[in-house]
Amino acid sequence: MNEYLSSLTTEQVNQNTKDIDECSTEQILELINFEDSQVTNIVKNEIPKIAQAVEMICKALSNGGRMFYLGAGTSGRLGVLDASECPPTFGSDPSLIQGYIAGGDIALRTAVEGCEDSEEEGRNQVIQCEVTEKDVVVGITASGGAAYVLGAIKQARELSAATIGIVNNHNTKLEAVCDICISAVVGPEVIIGSTRMKAGTAQKLILNMLTTTTMIKLGKVYGNMMVDLKASNIKLNERAVRIIRAVTGVNEETARRYLEEANHSSKAAIMMILSGYSLKEAQDTLDANQGYLKKALKQVQGND
C-alpha cells in the first residue's frame, strides 16, 4: 500500500464504529451523529489560520484579484458549490470566486476516477484560468495529497499567486507547498476513508467561513442582511423586499417600487430611500464608499 496514504488519519479504523454493521438503524444514526458532533470544535481550533486566509482573500479581491477553488471528488464539488452560491447571495460577479473539479463539470454528477491523480491537469486548469499574482488559489483535498490539487497549487505559486490549502490530515504534501494550510483533522471516518462524511462536513464549514467573512468585510452585508443579493427569482425578490422594509421602515408597496427603480438592487433601493437620492446619486455615493452601505449613509448624514 502507498506509504503516504496508509499513514493518513482519514484512512484509519474508527474504533467507535467498528461494529456498526451489527447495529440497529437508530444505533447507526446515533453513531454517525456523535462523530459529526465533534467536527465544529475541530474547525474552531483552526480559526486563527482561517482568519489569516480570509485576510489574504480580502486583500486579493480588494486589489482586483480573484479567488479559485480547486479540488477532486467531494472536495471539488464543495468548492464549486460554495463558489456558485456567492453571486445570488452577495451579488458578486461570477468571475470573482470560481470553483473547479478534477474531471470537469461532468464530475459534479458522476464520479470521474483517476483525474485527481494528474498534477498536469491541475496545472493546466490554473493556466486556463489565467491566474496571476493578484489572485488567490485554494486547494481542497482531505488527504492533502491529491495530485490534481498539488499541481494546481504549485502552478499558482510559480505564477506568484497567493495559495491556501484545506486538508483533513496533519503534515500533508499540500501543507508543504502552500502559503497557509488549514488542517481540520476530524479523525477516522465512520466508514473507513469515506471523506464525504466528517472531512466533507469540516470542509463545507470552512468554505462557508472563508467566503461569508470575506463578503462581510467587503461590504456585502448591512448588519446581518444580504443587501447585495440579486433578486433574480420570486424567493429572492421577496427577501429583498423584506430587507428593504426592515432597514428603512417603509411599507411593502414603497419597498417594491424602489426595488424596481433600483433595477432590483436592494442596496441601491435602501440608499435611495434613506438619502432621498436618485438612483445615479445613490450608486455614485455607494461607489465612493467601496460599496459599504453604512459608510455611504454616514457620509450622507454628515453632509446634512
Protein backbone atom coordinates (compact mmCIF):
# COMPACT_ATOMS: atom_id res chain seq x y z
CA MET A 1 0.00 0.00 0.00
CA ASN A 2 1.15 3.56 -0.68
CA GLU A 3 3.01 4.61 2.48
CA TYR A 4 1.61 8.16 2.42
CA LEU A 5 -2.00 7.02 2.10
CA SER A 6 -1.71 4.31 4.73
CA SER A 7 -0.48 6.88 7.26
CA LEU A 8 -3.45 9.22 6.86
CA THR A 9 -5.81 9.67 9.82
CA THR A 10 -8.76 9.55 7.42
CA GLU A 11 -7.69 6.04 6.35
CA GLN A 12 -7.57 4.59 9.86
CA VAL A 13 -10.17 2.37 11.55
CA ASN A 14 -12.67 4.25 13.69
CA GLN A 15 -12.86 2.20 16.86
CA ASN A 16 -16.21 3.75 17.77
CA THR A 17 -17.88 2.32 14.68
CA LYS A 18 -16.04 -0.93 14.03
CA ASP A 19 -19.20 -2.95 14.75
CA ILE A 20 -21.60 -0.58 13.01
CA ASP A 21 -22.83 -3.31 10.68
CA GLU A 22 -24.33 -5.10 13.69
CA CYS A 23 -26.23 -2.06 14.95
CA SER A 24 -29.91 -1.19 14.67
CA THR A 25 -30.97 1.68 12.44
CA GLU A 26 -31.19 4.12 15.35
CA GLN A 27 -27.84 2.98 16.74
CA ILE A 28 -26.18 3.58 13.35
CA LEU A 29 -27.68 7.06 13.19
CA GLU A 30 -26.57 7.84 16.74
CA LEU A 31 -23.02 6.79 15.92
CA ILE A 32 -22.95 8.97 12.81
CA ASN A 33 -24.43 11.88 14.72
CA PHE A 34 -21.89 11.53 17.53
CA GLU A 35 -18.98 11.56 15.10
CA ASP A 36 -20.43 14.59 13.26
CA SER A 37 -20.84 16.45 16.56
CA GLN A 38 -17.05 16.55 17.01
CA VAL A 39 -16.45 18.46 13.77
CA THR A 40 -17.37 22.01 14.82
CA ASN A 41 -14.87 22.14 17.69
CA ILE A 42 -12.13 20.79 15.45
CA VAL A 43 -12.86 23.54 12.92
CA LYS A 44 -12.93 26.08 15.77
CA ASN A 45 -9.32 25.19 16.60
CA GLU A 46 -8.35 26.26 13.07
CA ILE A 47 -9.91 29.74 13.30
CA PRO A 48 -6.53 31.53 13.58
CA LYS A 49 -5.46 30.03 10.25
CA ILE A 50 -8.90 30.59 8.72
CA ALA A 51 -8.61 34.24 9.75
CA GLN A 52 -5.23 34.51 8.02
CA ALA A 53 -6.77 33.01 4.91
CA VAL A 54 -9.66 35.48 4.98
CA GLU A 55 -7.25 38.42 5.23
CA MET A 56 -5.32 37.02 2.28
CA ILE A 57 -8.50 36.62 0.23
CA CYS A 58 -9.80 40.10 1.14
CA LYS A 59 -6.50 41.66 0.10
CA ALA A 60 -6.60 39.86 -3.24
CA LEU A 61 -10.23 40.67 -4.05
CA SER A 62 -9.83 44.30 -2.94
CA ASN A 63 -6.95 44.73 -5.38
CA GLY A 64 -8.60 43.37 -8.50
CA GLY A 65 -7.81 39.72 -7.86
CA ARG A 66 -9.98 36.63 -7.95
CA MET A 67 -10.37 33.50 -5.86
CA PHE A 68 -10.23 29.97 -7.24
CA TYR A 69 -11.23 26.71 -5.55
CA LEU A 70 -9.72 23.51 -6.94
CA GLY A 71 -10.44 20.03 -5.65
CA ALA A 72 -11.29 16.45 -6.60
CA GLY A 73 -14.32 14.36 -5.72
CA THR A 74 -16.27 15.60 -2.70
CA SER A 75 -13.73 18.38 -2.10
CA GLY A 76 -14.11 19.64 -5.65
CA ARG A 77 -17.91 19.52 -5.51
CA LEU A 78 -17.95 21.52 -2.28
CA GLY A 79 -15.69 24.17 -3.79
CA VAL A 80 -17.87 24.51 -6.88
CA LEU A 81 -20.96 24.71 -4.65
CA ASP A 82 -19.55 27.46 -2.47
CA ALA A 83 -18.38 29.50 -5.46
CA SER A 84 -21.73 29.15 -7.24
CA GLU A 85 -23.66 30.41 -4.20
CA CYS A 86 -21.77 33.71 -3.94
CA PRO A 87 -23.38 35.62 -6.86
CA PRO A 88 -27.02 35.13 -5.75
CA THR A 89 -26.20 35.65 -2.08
CA PHE A 90 -23.80 38.56 -2.28
CA GLY A 91 -24.32 39.97 -5.76
CA SER A 92 -20.70 39.21 -6.65
CA ASP A 93 -19.53 38.86 -10.23
CA PRO A 94 -19.43 35.14 -11.18
CA SER A 95 -15.80 35.54 -12.18
CA LEU A 96 -14.78 36.79 -8.72
CA ILE A 97 -14.96 33.40 -6.97
CA GLN A 98 -14.69 30.33 -9.18
CA GLY A 99 -14.72 26.61 -8.45
CA TYR A 100 -13.20 23.76 -10.47
CA ILE A 101 -13.23 20.00 -10.02
CA ALA A 102 -10.89 17.36 -11.39
CA GLY A 103 -12.58 15.77 -14.39
CA GLY A 104 -14.58 18.89 -15.28
CA ASP A 105 -18.24 19.69 -14.72
CA ILE A 106 -19.37 16.14 -15.55
CA ALA A 107 -17.61 15.08 -12.33
CA LEU A 108 -20.12 17.12 -10.34
CA ARG A 109 -22.76 14.45 -11.03
CA THR A 110 -20.74 11.39 -11.95
CA ALA A 111 -17.53 10.24 -10.30
CA VAL A 112 -14.64 10.51 -12.74
CA GLU A 113 -11.98 8.36 -11.14
CA GLY A 114 -8.32 8.88 -11.91
CA CYS A 115 -8.49 12.58 -12.79
CA GLU A 116 -7.30 13.55 -9.33
CA ASP A 117 -4.07 11.64 -9.98
CA SER A 118 -2.77 14.09 -12.59
CA GLU A 119 -0.67 17.08 -11.49
CA GLU A 120 -0.65 18.19 -15.12
CA GLU A 121 -4.44 18.55 -15.13
CA GLY A 122 -4.28 20.77 -12.06
CA ARG A 123 -1.55 22.89 -13.59
CA ASN A 124 -3.49 23.19 -16.84
CA GLN A 125 -6.61 24.35 -15.02
CA VAL A 126 -4.70 27.18 -13.36
CA ILE A 127 -3.17 28.16 -16.68
CA GLN A 128 -6.58 28.10 -18.41
CA CYS A 129 -7.97 30.38 -15.69
CA GLU A 130 -5.16 32.84 -16.46
CA VAL A 131 -4.22 33.08 -12.79
CA THR A 132 -1.91 35.99 -11.96
CA GLU A 133 -0.06 37.36 -8.95
CA LYS A 134 -3.24 39.25 -7.98
CA ASP A 135 -5.23 36.07 -7.40
CA VAL A 136 -5.59 33.53 -4.60
CA VAL A 137 -5.88 29.80 -5.28
CA VAL A 138 -7.45 27.46 -2.70
CA GLY A 139 -6.69 23.75 -2.94
CA ILE A 140 -9.10 21.38 -1.17
CA THR A 141 -8.14 17.75 -0.53
CA ALA A 142 -8.97 15.64 2.51
CA SER A 143 -5.82 13.56 2.13
CA GLY A 144 -3.69 16.59 1.37
CA GLY A 145 -2.12 14.57 -1.42
CA ALA A 146 -4.42 14.71 -4.46
CA ALA A 147 -2.07 15.25 -7.39
CA TYR A 148 -4.58 17.48 -9.24
CA VAL A 149 -4.64 19.87 -6.29
CA LEU A 150 -0.89 19.74 -5.73
CA GLY A 151 -0.30 20.55 -9.39
CA ALA A 152 -2.72 23.49 -9.23
CA ILE A 153 -1.09 24.96 -6.13
CA LYS A 154 2.43 24.51 -7.48
CA GLN A 155 1.45 26.23 -10.72
CA ALA A 156 -0.23 29.05 -8.81
CA ARG A 157 2.91 29.59 -6.74
CA GLU A 158 5.02 29.74 -9.87
CA LEU A 159 2.69 32.50 -11.07
CA SER A 160 3.16 34.30 -7.73
CA ALA A 161 -0.49 33.88 -6.71
CA ALA A 162 -1.37 33.50 -3.02
CA THR A 163 -2.13 29.91 -2.06
CA ILE A 164 -4.30 28.30 0.62
CA GLY A 165 -4.74 24.62 1.42
CA ILE A 166 -7.68 22.93 3.16
CA VAL A 167 -6.93 19.39 4.36
CA ASN A 168 -8.07 16.87 6.96
CA ASN A 169 -4.74 15.35 7.94
CA HIS A 170 -1.52 16.55 9.58
CA ASN A 171 1.81 17.01 7.79
CA THR A 172 0.39 16.66 4.31
CA LYS A 173 2.04 17.15 0.93
CA LEU A 174 -0.18 20.16 0.32
CA GLU A 175 0.90 21.88 3.53
CA ALA A 176 4.47 21.83 2.27
CA VAL A 177 3.66 23.81 -0.90
CA CYS A 178 1.05 26.43 0.09
CA ASP A 179 1.23 29.72 1.99
CA ILE A 180 -1.47 28.86 4.53
CA CYS A 181 -2.78 25.38 5.30
CA ILE A 182 -5.98 24.85 7.27
CA SER A 183 -5.84 21.34 8.76
CA ALA A 184 -9.18 20.26 10.22
CA VAL A 185 -8.18 16.79 11.40
CA VAL A 186 -11.52 15.17 12.16
CA GLY A 187 -10.14 11.69 12.78
CA PRO A 188 -11.10 8.35 11.23
CA GLU A 189 -14.38 8.33 9.35
CA VAL A 190 -17.47 6.35 10.35
CA ILE A 191 -16.75 4.23 7.27
CA ILE A 192 -13.02 3.97 6.63
CA GLY A 193 -11.87 6.54 4.09
CA SER A 194 -15.35 7.92 3.33
CA THR A 195 -14.23 11.54 3.46
CA ARG A 196 -17.56 12.78 2.12
CA MET A 197 -18.62 12.45 5.78
CA LYS A 198 -16.75 14.25 8.60
CA ALA A 199 -13.99 15.57 6.37
CA GLY A 200 -16.53 16.91 3.88
CA THR A 201 -18.57 18.49 6.67
CA ALA A 202 -15.47 20.25 8.01
CA GLN A 203 -14.57 21.47 4.54
CA LYS A 204 -18.08 22.85 3.99
CA LEU A 205 -17.92 24.74 7.29
CA ILE A 206 -14.54 26.23 6.38
CA LEU A 207 -15.61 27.28 2.89
CA ASN A 208 -18.70 28.96 4.37
CA MET A 209 -16.47 30.84 6.78
CA LEU A 210 -13.99 31.93 4.11
CA THR A 211 -16.48 33.43 1.65
CA THR A 212 -19.04 34.72 4.13
CA THR A 213 -16.44 36.52 6.26
CA THR A 214 -14.76 37.90 3.16
CA MET A 215 -18.03 39.23 1.79
CA ILE A 216 -18.90 40.84 5.12
CA LYS A 217 -15.52 42.57 5.17
CA LEU A 218 -16.06 43.73 1.58
CA GLY A 219 -19.31 45.47 2.49
CA LYS A 220 -21.72 42.95 1.01
CA VAL A 221 -24.00 42.95 4.08
CA TYR A 222 -25.74 45.55 6.23
CA GLY A 223 -25.92 44.32 9.80
CA ASN A 224 -26.55 40.66 9.08
CA MET A 225 -28.68 41.24 5.99
CA MET A 226 -27.59 40.33 2.46
CA VAL A 227 -28.25 43.75 0.93
CA ASP A 228 -26.25 42.89 -2.19
CA LEU A 229 -28.34 39.86 -3.16
CA LYS A 230 -29.54 39.62 -6.75
CA ALA A 231 -33.36 39.49 -6.75
CA SER A 232 -33.39 37.08 -9.67
CA ASN A 233 -36.33 34.86 -8.67
CA ILE A 234 -39.53 35.05 -6.62
CA LYS A 235 -37.91 33.92 -3.36
CA LEU A 236 -35.01 36.36 -3.63
CA ASN A 237 -37.30 39.18 -4.73
CA GLU A 238 -39.47 38.67 -1.65
CA ARG A 239 -36.39 38.53 0.56
CA ALA A 240 -35.14 41.78 -0.98
CA VAL A 241 -38.46 43.47 -0.20
CA ARG A 242 -38.31 42.26 3.42
CA ILE A 243 -34.75 43.51 3.78
CA ILE A 244 -35.60 46.94 2.37
CA ARG A 245 -38.55 47.23 4.74
CA ALA A 246 -36.51 46.06 7.74
CA VAL A 247 -33.77 48.63 7.13
CA THR A 248 -35.89 51.60 6.07
CA GLY A 249 -39.26 51.05 7.75
CA VAL A 250 -41.24 51.71 4.55
CA ASN A 251 -44.36 49.77 3.63
CA GLU A 252 -44.39 46.89 1.17
CA GLU A 253 -45.66 48.93 -1.77
CA THR A 254 -42.92 51.52 -1.36
CA ALA A 255 -40.25 48.85 -0.98
CA ARG A 256 -41.34 47.13 -4.19
CA ARG A 257 -41.42 50.42 -6.09
CA TYR A 258 -37.92 51.41 -5.04
CA LEU A 259 -36.58 47.91 -5.73
CA GLU A 260 -37.93 48.19 -9.27
CA GLU A 261 -36.49 51.69 -9.71
CA ALA A 262 -33.12 50.45 -8.44
CA ASN A 263 -33.01 47.67 -11.06
CA HIS A 264 -33.58 45.07 -8.33
CA SER A 265 -30.59 46.20 -6.28
CA SER A 266 -31.58 46.09 -2.61
CA LYS A 267 -28.60 48.17 -1.58
CA ALA A 268 -29.32 50.94 -4.08
CA ALA A 269 -33.00 50.95 -3.15
CA ILE A 270 -32.17 51.36 0.54
CA MET A 271 -29.73 54.12 -0.27
CA MET A 272 -32.34 55.95 -2.35
CA ILE A 273 -34.99 55.71 0.36
CA LEU A 274 -32.81 56.82 3.25
CA SER A 275 -30.96 59.56 1.37
CA GLY A 276 -33.61 60.86 -0.97
CA TYR A 277 -31.10 60.48 -3.82
CA SER A 278 -31.79 59.46 -7.38
CA LEU A 279 -30.52 56.06 -8.49
CA LYS A 280 -27.41 57.60 -10.04
CA GLU A 281 -26.66 59.69 -6.96
CA ALA A 282 -27.20 56.69 -4.70
CA GLN A 283 -24.94 54.46 -6.80
CA ASP A 284 -22.23 57.12 -7.07
CA THR A 285 -22.24 57.52 -3.28
CA LEU A 286 -22.03 53.78 -2.77
CA ASP A 287 -19.17 53.53 -5.27
CA ALA A 288 -17.33 56.34 -3.48
CA ASN A 289 -17.55 54.26 -0.29
CA GLN A 290 -16.41 50.99 -1.91
CA GLY A 291 -19.95 49.62 -1.72
CA TYR A 292 -20.26 49.88 2.07
CA LEU A 293 -23.85 50.91 2.74
CA LYS A 294 -23.24 52.03 6.33
CA LYS A 295 -20.31 54.20 5.30
CA ALA A 296 -22.32 55.71 2.45
CA LEU A 297 -25.24 56.54 4.76
CA LYS A 298 -22.89 58.11 7.31
CA GLN A 299 -21.46 60.26 4.52
CA VAL A 300 -24.97 61.44 3.63
CA GLN A 301 -25.76 62.18 7.26
CA GLY A 302 -22.51 64.12 7.58
CA ASN A 303 -23.46 66.24 4.58
CA ASP A 304 -26.87 67.13 6.02
